Amino acid sequence: MKSKLAKLFTLALVISSVSCAAGPNAQTGAVVGGLGGAALGGIIGHQSGRGLEGAAIGGALGAVGGGVVGNAQDQRNYNNNYYRPQPQPRPYYGY
């Protein structure tokens, strides 16, 4: 009983700490990566007779990978929108 409670508490802690401050691309990437990873992991795991384990592992790895890629897109979008180079004045050549 304690083992199940400890696993549930750990899972809740991980989910709550991961979902704090993520941009829209990171969230979308994590969802799409998780679904794609679960599907691919389930297919590969089914070949070895462990489809559910493969889906769980593939889903977790896909969600992490998708979140990382989406976060990189969010950072790039932020930098492009808020850190634009200032226009340089034309040089003045006195007459």
PDB file of N, CA and C in Angstrom:
ATOM      1  N   MET A   1       0.812  -1.187   0.000  1.00  0.00           N
ATOM      2  CA  MET A   1       0.000   0.000   0.000  1.00  0.00           C
ATOM      3  C   MET A   1       0.857   1.253   0.000  1.00  0.00           C
ATOM      4  N   LYS A   2       1.932   1.238   0.798  1.00  0.00           N
ATOM      5  CA  LYS A   2       2.802   2.402   0.864  1.00  0.00           C
ATOM      6  C   LYS A   2       3.524   2.624  -0.462  1.00  0.00           C
ATOM      7  N   SER A   3       3.829   1.532  -1.135  1.00  0.00           N
ATOM      8  CA  SER A   3       4.522   1.647  -2.417  1.00  0.00           C
ATOM      9  C   SER A   3       3.633   2.331  -3.453  1.00  0.00           C
ATOM     10  N   LYS A   4       2.380   1.969  -3.505  1.00  0.00           N
ATOM     11  CA  LYS A   4       1.457   2.605  -4.450  1.00  0.00           C
ATOM     12  C   LYS A   4       1.249   4.077  -4.112  1.00  0.00           C
ATOM     13  N   LEU A   5       1.152   4.384  -2.822  1.00  0.00           N
ATOM     14  CA  LEU A   5       0.968   5.762  -2.399  1.00  0.00           C
ATOM     15  C   LEU A   5       2.205   6.595  -2.722  1.00  0.00           C
ATOM     16  N   ALA A   6       3.379   6.014  -2.539  1.00  0.00           N
ATOM     17  CA  ALA A   6       4.619   6.728  -2.851  1.00  0.00           C
ATOM     18  C   ALA A   6       4.738   6.980  -4.350  1.00  0.00           C
ATOM     19  N   LYS A   7       4.354   6.003  -5.161  1.00  0.00           N
ATOM     20  CA  LYS A   7       4.394   6.185  -6.609  1.00  0.00           C
ATOM     21  C   LYS A   7       3.407   7.252  -7.059  1.00  0.00           C
ATOM     22  N   LEU A   8       2.216   7.240  -6.494  1.00  0.00           N
ATOM     23  CA  LEU A   8       1.204   8.233  -6.836  1.00  0.00           C
ATOM     24  C   LEU A   8       1.664   9.639  -6.438  1.00  0.00           C
ATOM     25  N   PHE A   9       2.245   9.765  -5.252  1.00  0.00           N
ATOM     26  CA  PHE A   9       2.748  11.059  -4.798  1.00  0.00           C
ATOM     27  C   PHE A   9       3.885  11.543  -5.703  1.00  0.00           C
ATOM     28  N   THR A  10       4.783  10.668  -6.083  1.00  0.00           N
ATOM     29  CA  THR A  10       5.886  11.039  -6.965  1.00  0.00           C
ATOM     30  C   THR A  10       5.367  11.469  -8.331  1.00  0.00           C
ATOM     31  N   LEU A  11       4.401  10.753  -8.866  1.00  0.00           N
ATOM     32  CA  LEU A  11       3.818  11.117 -10.153  1.00  0.00           C
ATOM     33  C   LEU A  11       3.133  12.485 -10.087  1.00  0.00           C
ATOM     34  N   ALA A  12       2.397  12.742  -9.012  1.00  0.00           N
ATOM     35  CA  ALA A  12       1.741  14.043  -8.850  1.00  0.00           C
ATOM     36  C   ALA A  12       2.761  15.163  -8.730  1.00  0.00           C
ATOM     37  N   LEU A  13       3.856  14.911  -8.040  1.00  0.00           N
ATOM     38  CA  LEU A  13       4.910  15.914  -7.885  1.00  0.00           C
ATOM     39  C   LEU A  13       5.576  16.212  -9.217  1.00  0.00           C
ATOM     40  N   VAL A  14       5.853  15.198 -10.002  1.00  0.00           N
ATOM     41  CA  VAL A  14       6.483  15.396 -11.309  1.00  0.00           C
ATOM     42  C   VAL A  14       5.558  16.152 -12.249  1.00  0.00           C
ATOM     43  N   ILE A  15       4.306  15.779 -12.285  1.00  0.00           N
ATOM     44  CA  ILE A  15       3.352  16.447 -13.177  1.00  0.00           C
ATOM     45  C   ILE A  15       3.174  17.906 -12.780  1.00  0.00           C
ATOM     46  N   SER A  16       3.085  18.180 -11.501  1.00  0.00           N
ATOM     47  CA  SER A  16       2.874  19.566 -11.078  1.00  0.00           C
ATOM     48  C   SER A  16       4.109  20.423 -11.303  1.00  0.00           C
ATOM     49  N   SER A  17       5.292  19.854 -11.202  1.00  0.00           N
ATOM     50  CA  SER A  17       6.498  20.661 -11.410  1.00  0.00           C
ATOM     51  C   SER A  17       6.806  20.871 -12.888  1.00  0.00           C
ATOM     52  N   VAL A  18       6.407  19.957 -13.733  1.00  0.00           N
ATOM     53  CA  VAL A  18       6.669  20.086 -15.160  1.00  0.00           C
ATOM     54  C   VAL A  18       5.730  21.091 -15.810  1.00  0.00           C
ATOM     55  N   SER A  19       4.508  21.172 -15.338  1.00  0.00           N
ATOM     56  CA  SER A  19       3.505  21.969 -16.027  1.00  0.00           C
ATOM     57  C   SER A  19       3.449  23.420 -15.576  1.00  0.00           C
ATOM     58  N   CYS A  20       4.452  23.930 -14.911  1.00  0.00           N
ATOM     59  CA  CYS A  20       4.369  25.276 -14.332  1.00  0.00           C
ATOM     60  C   CYS A  20       4.423  26.370 -15.385  1.00  0.00           C
ATOM     61  N   ALA A  21       5.550  26.592 -15.989  1.00  0.00           N
ATOM     62  CA  ALA A  21       5.696  27.753 -16.872  1.00  0.00           C
ATOM     63  C   ALA A  21       6.129  27.277 -18.255  1.00  0.00           C
ATOM     64  N   ALA A  22       5.168  26.926 -19.042  1.00  0.00           N
ATOM     65  CA  ALA A  22       5.483  26.467 -20.392  1.00  0.00           C
ATOM     66  C   ALA A  22       4.687  27.294 -21.389  1.00  0.00           C
ATOM     67  N   GLY A  23       5.328  27.595 -22.493  1.00  0.00           N
ATOM     68  CA  GLY A  23       4.665  28.350 -23.542  1.00  0.00           C
ATOM     69  C   GLY A  23       3.741  27.471 -24.349  1.00  0.00           C
ATOM     70  N   PRO A  24       3.042  28.064 -25.290  1.00  0.00           N
ATOM     71  CA  PRO A  24       2.065  27.288 -26.066  1.00  0.00           C
ATOM     72  C   PRO A  24       2.714  26.216 -26.937  1.00  0.00           C
ATOM     73  N   ASN A  25       3.884  26.501 -27.492  1.00  0.00           N
ATOM     74  CA  ASN A  25       4.542  25.492 -28.330  1.00  0.00           C
ATOM     75  C   ASN A  25       5.077  24.339 -27.488  1.00  0.00           C
ATOM     76  N   ALA A  26       5.543  24.626 -26.275  1.00  0.00           N
ATOM     77  CA  ALA A  26       6.035  23.559 -25.404  1.00  0.00           C
ATOM     78  C   ALA A  26       4.901  22.638 -24.980  1.00  0.00           C
ATOM     79  N   GLN A  27       3.746  23.210 -24.674  1.00  0.00           N
ATOM     80  CA  GLN A  27       2.612  22.387 -24.278  1.00  0.00           C
ATOM     81  C   GLN A  27       2.114  21.539 -25.438  1.00  0.00           C
ATOM     82  N   THR A  28       1.984  22.156 -26.596  1.00  0.00           N
ATOM     83  CA  THR A  28       1.528  21.414 -27.770  1.00  0.00           C
ATOM     84  C   THR A  28       2.534  20.333 -28.147  1.00  0.00           C
ATOM     85  N   GLY A  29       3.812  20.676 -28.094  1.00  0.00           N
ATOM     86  CA  GLY A  29       4.849  19.696 -28.426  1.00  0.00           C
ATOM     87  C   GLY A  29       4.850  18.517 -27.477  1.00  0.00           C
ATOM     88  N   ALA A  30       4.623  18.787 -26.190  1.00  0.00           N
ATOM     89  CA  ALA A  30       4.601  17.695 -25.220  1.00  0.00           C
ATOM     90  C   ALA A  30       3.421  16.759 -25.468  1.00  0.00           C
ATOM     91  N   VAL A  31       2.265  17.324 -25.789  1.00  0.00           N
ATOM     92  CA  VAL A  31       1.080  16.490 -26.039  1.00  0.00           C
ATOM     93  C   VAL A  31       1.260  15.666 -27.312  1.00  0.00           C
ATOM     94  N   VAL A  32       1.680  16.334 -28.378  1.00  0.00           N
ATOM     95  CA  VAL A  32       1.845  15.621 -29.653  1.00  0.00           C
ATOM     96  C   VAL A  32       2.961  14.581 -29.549  1.00  0.00           C
ATOM     97  N   GLY A  33       4.065  14.964 -28.892  1.00  0.00           N
ATOM     98  CA  GLY A  33       5.164  14.015 -28.712  1.00  0.00           C
ATOM     99  C   GLY A  33       4.765  12.835 -27.859  1.00  0.00           C
ATOM    100  N   GLY A  34       3.974  13.085 -26.823  1.00  0.00           N
ATOM    101  CA  GLY A  34       3.516  11.995 -25.969  1.00  0.00           C
ATOM    102  C   GLY A  34       2.609  11.026 -26.693  1.00  0.00           C
ATOM    103  N   LEU A  35       1.689  11.576 -27.488  1.00  0.00           N
ATOM    104  CA  LEU A  35       0.791  10.691 -28.242  1.00  0.00           C
ATOM    105  C   LEU A  35       1.550   9.903 -29.308  1.00  0.00           C
ATOM    106  N   GLY A  36       2.423  10.584 -30.013  1.00  0.00           N
ATOM    107  CA  GLY A  36       3.200   9.890 -31.041  1.00  0.00           C
ATOM    108  C   GLY A  36       4.138   8.856 -30.442  1.00  0.00           C
ATOM    109  N   GLY A  37       4.775   9.212 -29.333  1.00  0.00           N
ATOM    110  CA  GLY A  37       5.675   8.267 -28.670  1.00  0.00           C
ATOM    111  C   GLY A  37       4.943   7.059 -28.116  1.00  0.00           C
ATOM    112  N   ALA A  38       3.747   7.302 -27.576  1.00  0.00           N
ATOM    113  CA  ALA A  38       2.964   6.180 -27.053  1.00  0.00           C
ATOM    114  C   ALA A  38       2.541   5.237 -28.178  1.00  0.00           C
ATOM    115  N   ALA A  39       2.137   5.808 -29.304  1.00  0.00           N
ATOM    116  CA  ALA A  39       1.733   4.960 -30.431  1.00  0.00           C
ATOM    117  C   ALA A  39       2.912   4.148 -30.954  1.00  0.00           C
ATOM    118  N   LEU A  40       4.033   4.820 -31.158  1.00  0.00           N
ATOM    119  CA  LEU A  40       5.210   4.118 -31.670  1.00  0.00           C
ATOM    120  C   LEU A  40       5.744   3.111 -30.654  1.00  0.00           C
ATOM    121  N   GLY A  41       5.758   3.504 -29.375  1.00  0.00           N
ATOM    122  CA  GLY A  41       6.208   2.579 -28.334  1.00  0.00           C
ATOM    123  C   GLY A  41       5.299   1.384 -28.196  1.00  0.00           C
ATOM    124  N   GLY A  42       3.992   1.599 -28.368  1.00  0.00           N
ATOM    125  CA  GLY A  42       3.065   0.477 -28.309  1.00  0.00           C
ATOM    126  C   GLY A  42       3.269  -0.504 -29.449  1.00  0.00           C
ATOM    127  N   ILE A  43       3.542   0.030 -30.633  1.00  0.00           N
ATOM    128  CA  ILE A  43       3.788  -0.842 -31.786  1.00  0.00           C
ATOM    129  C   ILE A  43       5.073  -1.635 -31.591  1.00  0.00           C
ATOM    130  N   ILE A  44       6.124  -0.956 -31.178  1.00  0.00           N
ATOM    131  CA  ILE A  44       7.404  -1.643 -30.978  1.00  0.00           C
ATOM    132  C   ILE A  44       7.305  -2.619 -29.812  1.00  0.00           C
ATOM    133  N   GLY A  45       6.637  -2.187 -28.719  1.00  0.00           N
ATOM    134  CA  GLY A  45       6.486  -3.077 -27.573  1.00  0.00           C
ATOM    135  C   GLY A  45       5.630  -4.289 -27.865  1.00  0.00           C
ATOM    136  N   HIS A  46       4.665  -4.147 -28.749  1.00  0.00           N
ATOM    137  CA  HIS A  46       3.809  -5.278 -29.118  1.00  0.00           C
ATOM    138  C   HIS A  46       4.616  -6.371 -29.809  1.00  0.00           C
ATOM    139  N   GLN A  47       5.631  -5.967 -30.539  1.00  0.00           N
ATOM    140  CA  GLN A  47       6.473  -6.956 -31.218  1.00  0.00           C
ATOM    141  C   GLN A  47       7.246  -7.817 -30.228  1.00  0.00           C
ATOM    142  N   SER A  48       7.558  -7.261 -29.060  1.00  0.00           N
ATOM    143  CA  SER A  48       8.285  -8.031 -28.053  1.00  0.00           C
ATOM    144  C   SER A  48       7.355  -8.602 -26.988  1.00  0.00           C
ATOM    145  N   GLY A  49       6.055  -8.387 -27.128  1.00  0.00           N
ATOM    146  CA  GLY A  49       5.112  -8.944 -26.173  1.00  0.00           C
ATOM    147  C   GLY A  49       4.836  -8.039 -24.990  1.00  0.00           C
ATOM    148  N   ARG A  50       5.312  -6.813 -25.007  1.00  0.00           N
ATOM    149  CA  ARG A  50       5.098  -5.880 -23.901  1.00  0.00           C
ATOM    150  C   ARG A  50       4.608  -4.544 -24.445  1.00  0.00           C
ATOM    151  N   GLY A  51       3.426  -4.579 -25.006  1.00  0.00           N
ATOM    152  CA  GLY A  51       2.881  -3.394 -25.654  1.00  0.00           C
ATOM    153  C   GLY A  51       2.591  -2.258 -24.699  1.00  0.00           C
ATOM    154  N   LEU A  52       2.053  -2.563 -23.512  1.00  0.00           N
ATOM    155  CA  LEU A  52       1.705  -1.520 -22.554  1.00  0.00           C
ATOM    156  C   LEU A  52       2.948  -0.834 -22.005  1.00  0.00           C
ATOM    157  N   GLU A  53       3.971  -1.614 -21.701  1.00  0.00           N
ATOM    158  CA  GLU A  53       5.216  -1.016 -21.215  1.00  0.00           C
ATOM    159  C   GLU A  53       5.866  -0.157 -22.298  1.00  0.00           C
ATOM    160  N   GLY A  54       5.840  -0.641 -23.513  1.00  0.00           N
ATOM    161  CA  GLY A  54       6.402   0.128 -24.618  1.00  0.00           C
ATOM    162  C   GLY A  54       5.660   1.427 -24.846  1.00  0.00           C
ATOM    163  N   ALA A  55       4.334   1.387 -24.718  1.00  0.00           N
ATOM    164  CA  ALA A  55       3.542   2.599 -24.888  1.00  0.00           C
ATOM    165  C   ALA A  55       3.827   3.603 -23.781  1.00  0.00           C
ATOM    166  N   ALA A  56       3.980   3.128 -22.560  1.00  0.00           N
ATOM    167  CA  ALA A  56       4.256   4.025 -21.435  1.00  0.00           C
ATOM    168  C   ALA A  56       5.631   4.673 -21.580  1.00  0.00           C
ATOM    169  N   ILE A  57       6.619   3.885 -21.913  1.00  0.00           N
ATOM    170  CA  ILE A  57       7.972   4.424 -22.073  1.00  0.00           C
ATOM    171  C   ILE A  57       8.035   5.354 -23.278  1.00  0.00           C
ATOM    172  N   GLY A  58       7.452   4.955 -24.378  1.00  0.00           N
ATOM    173  CA  GLY A  58       7.437   5.793 -25.573  1.00  0.00           C
ATOM    174  C   GLY A  58       6.682   7.091 -25.345  1.00  0.00           C
ATOM    175  N   GLY A  59       5.582   7.032 -24.625  1.00  0.00           N
ATOM    176  CA  GLY A  59       4.817   8.234 -24.324  1.00  0.00           C
ATOM    177  C   GLY A  59       5.597   9.210 -23.457  1.00  0.00           C
ATOM    178  N   ALA A  60       6.283   8.689 -22.460  1.00  0.00           N
ATOM    179  CA  ALA A  60       7.073   9.555 -21.580  1.00  0.00           C
ATOM    180  C   ALA A  60       8.228  10.198 -22.344  1.00  0.00           C
ATOM    181  N   LEU A  61       8.942   9.399 -23.108  1.00  0.00           N
ATOM    182  CA  LEU A  61      10.073   9.951 -23.871  1.00  0.00           C
ATOM    183  C   LEU A  61       9.598  10.920 -24.953  1.00  0.00           C
ATOM    184  N   GLY A  62       8.487  10.607 -25.595  1.00  0.00           N
ATOM    185  CA  GLY A  62       7.951  11.504 -26.611  1.00  0.00           C
ATOM    186  C   GLY A  62       7.481  12.822 -26.028  1.00  0.00           C
ATOM    187  N   ALA A  63       6.875  12.776 -24.850  1.00  0.00           N
ATOM    188  CA  ALA A  63       6.418  14.006 -24.201  1.00  0.00           C
ATOM    189  C   ALA A  63       7.589  14.889 -23.799  1.00  0.00           C
ATOM    190  N   VAL A  64       8.626  14.281 -23.267  1.00  0.00           N
ATOM    191  CA  VAL A  64       9.805  15.068 -22.892  1.00  0.00           C
ATOM    192  C   VAL A  64      10.460  15.665 -24.133  1.00  0.00           C
ATOM    193  N   GLY A  65      10.638  14.866 -25.156  1.00  0.00           N
ATOM    194  CA  GLY A  65      11.254  15.372 -26.392  1.00  0.00           C
ATOM    195  C   GLY A  65      10.418  16.462 -27.052  1.00  0.00           C
ATOM    196  N   GLY A  66       9.116  16.261 -27.119  1.00  0.00           N
ATOM    197  CA  GLY A  66       8.239  17.272 -27.700  1.00  0.00           C
ATOM    198  C   GLY A  66       8.231  18.560 -26.890  1.00  0.00           C
ATOM    199  N   GLY A  67       8.295  18.432 -25.585  1.00  0.00           N
ATOM    200  CA  GLY A  67       8.355  19.613 -24.731  1.00  0.00           C
ATOM    201  C   GLY A  67       9.638  20.398 -24.911  1.00  0.00           C
ATOM    202  N   VAL A  68      10.741  19.689 -25.076  1.00  0.00           N
ATOM    203  CA  VAL A  68      12.027  20.359 -25.287  1.00  0.00           C
ATOM    204  C   VAL A  68      12.032  21.104 -26.614  1.00  0.00           C
ATOM    205  N   VAL A  69      11.549  20.468 -27.660  1.00  0.00           N
ATOM    206  CA  VAL A  69      11.512  21.117 -28.973  1.00  0.00           C
ATOM    207  C   VAL A  69      10.552  22.309 -28.954  1.00  0.00           C
ATOM    208  N   GLY A  70       9.390  22.152 -28.344  1.00  0.00           N
ATOM    209  CA  GLY A  70       8.437  23.252 -28.253  1.00  0.00           C
ATOM    210  C   GLY A  70       8.968  24.409 -27.425  1.00  0.00           C
ATOM    211  N   ASN A  71       9.690  24.106 -26.355  1.00  0.00           N
ATOM    212  CA  ASN A  71      10.276  25.165 -25.543  1.00  0.00           C
ATOM    213  C   ASN A  71      11.332  25.934 -26.330  1.00  0.00           C
ATOM    214  N   ALA A  72      12.103  25.242 -27.135  1.00  0.00           N
ATOM    215  CA  ALA A  72      13.085  25.930 -27.977  1.00  0.00           C
ATOM    216  C   ALA A  72      12.388  26.861 -28.973  1.00  0.00           C
ATOM    217  N   GLN A  73      11.266  26.433 -29.517  1.00  0.00           N
ATOM    218  CA  GLN A  73      10.505  27.299 -30.420  1.00  0.00           C
ATOM    219  C   GLN A  73       9.962  28.515 -29.678  1.00  0.00           C
ATOM    220  N   ASP A  74       9.485  28.321 -28.460  1.00  0.00           N
ATOM    221  CA  ASP A  74       8.989  29.448 -27.677  1.00  0.00           C
ATOM    222  C   ASP A  74      10.103  30.456 -27.384  1.00  0.00           C
ATOM    223  N   GLN A  75      11.270  29.954 -27.047  1.00  0.00           N
ATOM    224  CA  GLN A  75      12.396  30.855 -26.774  1.00  0.00           C
ATOM    225  C   GLN A  75      12.798  31.621 -28.024  1.00  0.00           C
ATOM    226  N   ARG A  76      12.822  30.947 -29.160  1.00  0.00           N
ATOM    227  CA  ARG A  76      13.185  31.617 -30.406  1.00  0.00           C
ATOM    228  C   ARG A  76      12.154  32.686 -30.769  1.00  0.00           C
ATOM    229  N   ASN A  77      10.876  32.370 -30.594  1.00  0.00           N
ATOM    230  CA  ASN A  77       9.835  33.361 -30.867  1.00  0.00           C
ATOM    231  C   ASN A  77       9.942  34.553 -29.932  1.00  0.00           C
ATOM    232  N   TYR A  78      10.235  34.311 -28.662  1.00  0.00           N
ATOM    233  CA  TYR A  78      10.371  35.400 -27.703  1.00  0.00           C
ATOM    234  C   TYR A  78      11.546  36.298 -28.087  1.00  0.00           C
ATOM    235  N   ASN A  79      12.656  35.686 -28.421  1.00  0.00           N
ATOM    236  CA  ASN A  79      13.835  36.479 -28.782  1.00  0.00           C
ATOM    237  C   ASN A  79      13.612  37.270 -30.059  1.00  0.00           C
ATOM    238  N   ASN A  80      12.915  36.702 -31.021  1.00  0.00           N
ATOM    239  CA  ASN A  80      12.655  37.416 -32.269  1.00  0.00           C
ATOM    240  C   ASN A  80      11.686  38.580 -32.075  1.00  0.00           C
ATOM    241  N   ASN A  81      10.761  38.445 -31.137  1.00  0.00           N
ATOM    242  CA  ASN A  81       9.763  39.488 -30.944  1.00  0.00           C
ATOM    243  C   ASN A  81      10.209  40.601 -30.010  1.00  0.00           C
ATOM    244  N   TYR A  82      11.084  40.313 -29.070  1.00  0.00           N
ATOM    245  CA  TYR A  82      11.415  41.302 -28.054  1.00  0.00           C
ATOM    246  C   TYR A  82      12.854  41.805 -28.105  1.00  0.00           C
ATOM    247  N   TYR A  83      13.694  41.173 -28.850  1.00  0.00           N
ATOM    248  CA  TYR A  83      15.090  41.598 -28.921  1.00  0.00           C
ATOM    249  C   TYR A  83      15.465  41.916 -30.357  1.00  0.00           C
ATOM    250  N   ARG A  84      14.804  42.878 -30.918  1.00  0.00           N
ATOM    251  CA  ARG A  84      15.115  43.276 -32.293  1.00  0.00           C
ATOM    252  C   ARG A  84      16.257  44.275 -32.271  1.00  0.00           C
ATOM    253  N   PRO A  85      17.145  44.185 -33.214  1.00  0.00           N
ATOM    254  CA  PRO A  85      18.237  45.161 -33.239  1.00  0.00           C
ATOM    255  C   PRO A  85      17.707  46.554 -33.561  1.00  0.00           C
ATOM    256  N   GLN A  86      18.280  47.538 -32.914  1.00  0.00           N
ATOM    257  CA  GLN A  86      17.873  48.915 -33.135  1.00  0.00           C
ATOM    258  C   GLN A  86      18.473  49.416 -34.442  1.00  0.00           C
ATOM    259  N   PRO A  87      17.717  50.202 -35.189  1.00  0.00           N
ATOM    260  CA  PRO A  87      18.267  50.732 -36.435  1.00  0.00           C
ATOM    261  C   PRO A  87      19.420  51.692 -36.139  1.00  0.00           C
ATOM    262  N   GLN A  88      20.455  51.579 -36.923  1.00  0.00           N
ATOM    263  CA  GLN A  88      21.635  52.422 -36.735  1.00  0.00           C
ATOM    264  C   GLN A  88      21.460  53.707 -37.522  1.00  0.00           C
ATOM    265  N   PRO A  89      21.860  54.835 -36.947  1.00  0.00           N
ATOM    266  CA  PRO A  89      21.745  56.096 -37.697  1.00  0.00           C
ATOM    267  C   PRO A  89      22.727  56.128 -38.853  1.00  0.00           C
ATOM    268  N   ARG A  90      22.336  56.838 -39.878  1.00  0.00           N
ATOM    269  CA  ARG A  90      23.236  56.972 -41.043  1.00  0.00           C
ATOM    270  C   ARG A  90      24.419  57.843 -40.658  1.00  0.00           C
ATOM    271  N   PRO A  91      25.552  57.535 -41.184  1.00  0.00           N
ATOM    272  CA  PRO A  91      26.709  58.393 -40.856  1.00  0.00           C
ATOM    273  C   PRO A  91      26.547  59.782 -41.445  1.00  0.00           C
ATOM    274  N   TYR A  92      26.974  60.752 -40.700  1.00  0.00           N
ATOM    275  CA  TYR A  92      26.863  62.149 -41.132  1.00  0.00           C
ATOM    276  C   TYR A  92      28.194  62.570 -41.743  1.00  0.00           C
ATOM    277  N   TYR A  93      28.131  62.926 -42.975  1.00  0.00           N
ATOM    278  CA  TYR A  93      29.326  63.444 -43.661  1.00  0.00           C
ATOM    279  C   TYR A  93      29.131  64.939 -43.819  1.00  0.00           C
ATOM    280  N   GLY A  94      29.869  65.701 -43.061  1.00  0.00           N
ATOM    281  CA  GLY A  94      29.726  67.160 -43.097  1.00  0.00           C
ATOM    282  C   GLY A  94      30.019  67.735 -44.470  1.00  0.00           C
ATOM    283  N   TYR A  95      29.311  68.793 -44.823  1.00  0.00           N
ATOM    284  CA  TYR A  95      29.479  69.423 -46.110  1.00  0.00           C
ATOM    285  C   TYR A  95      30.453  70.535 -46.012  1.00  0.00           C
TER     286      TYR A  95
END
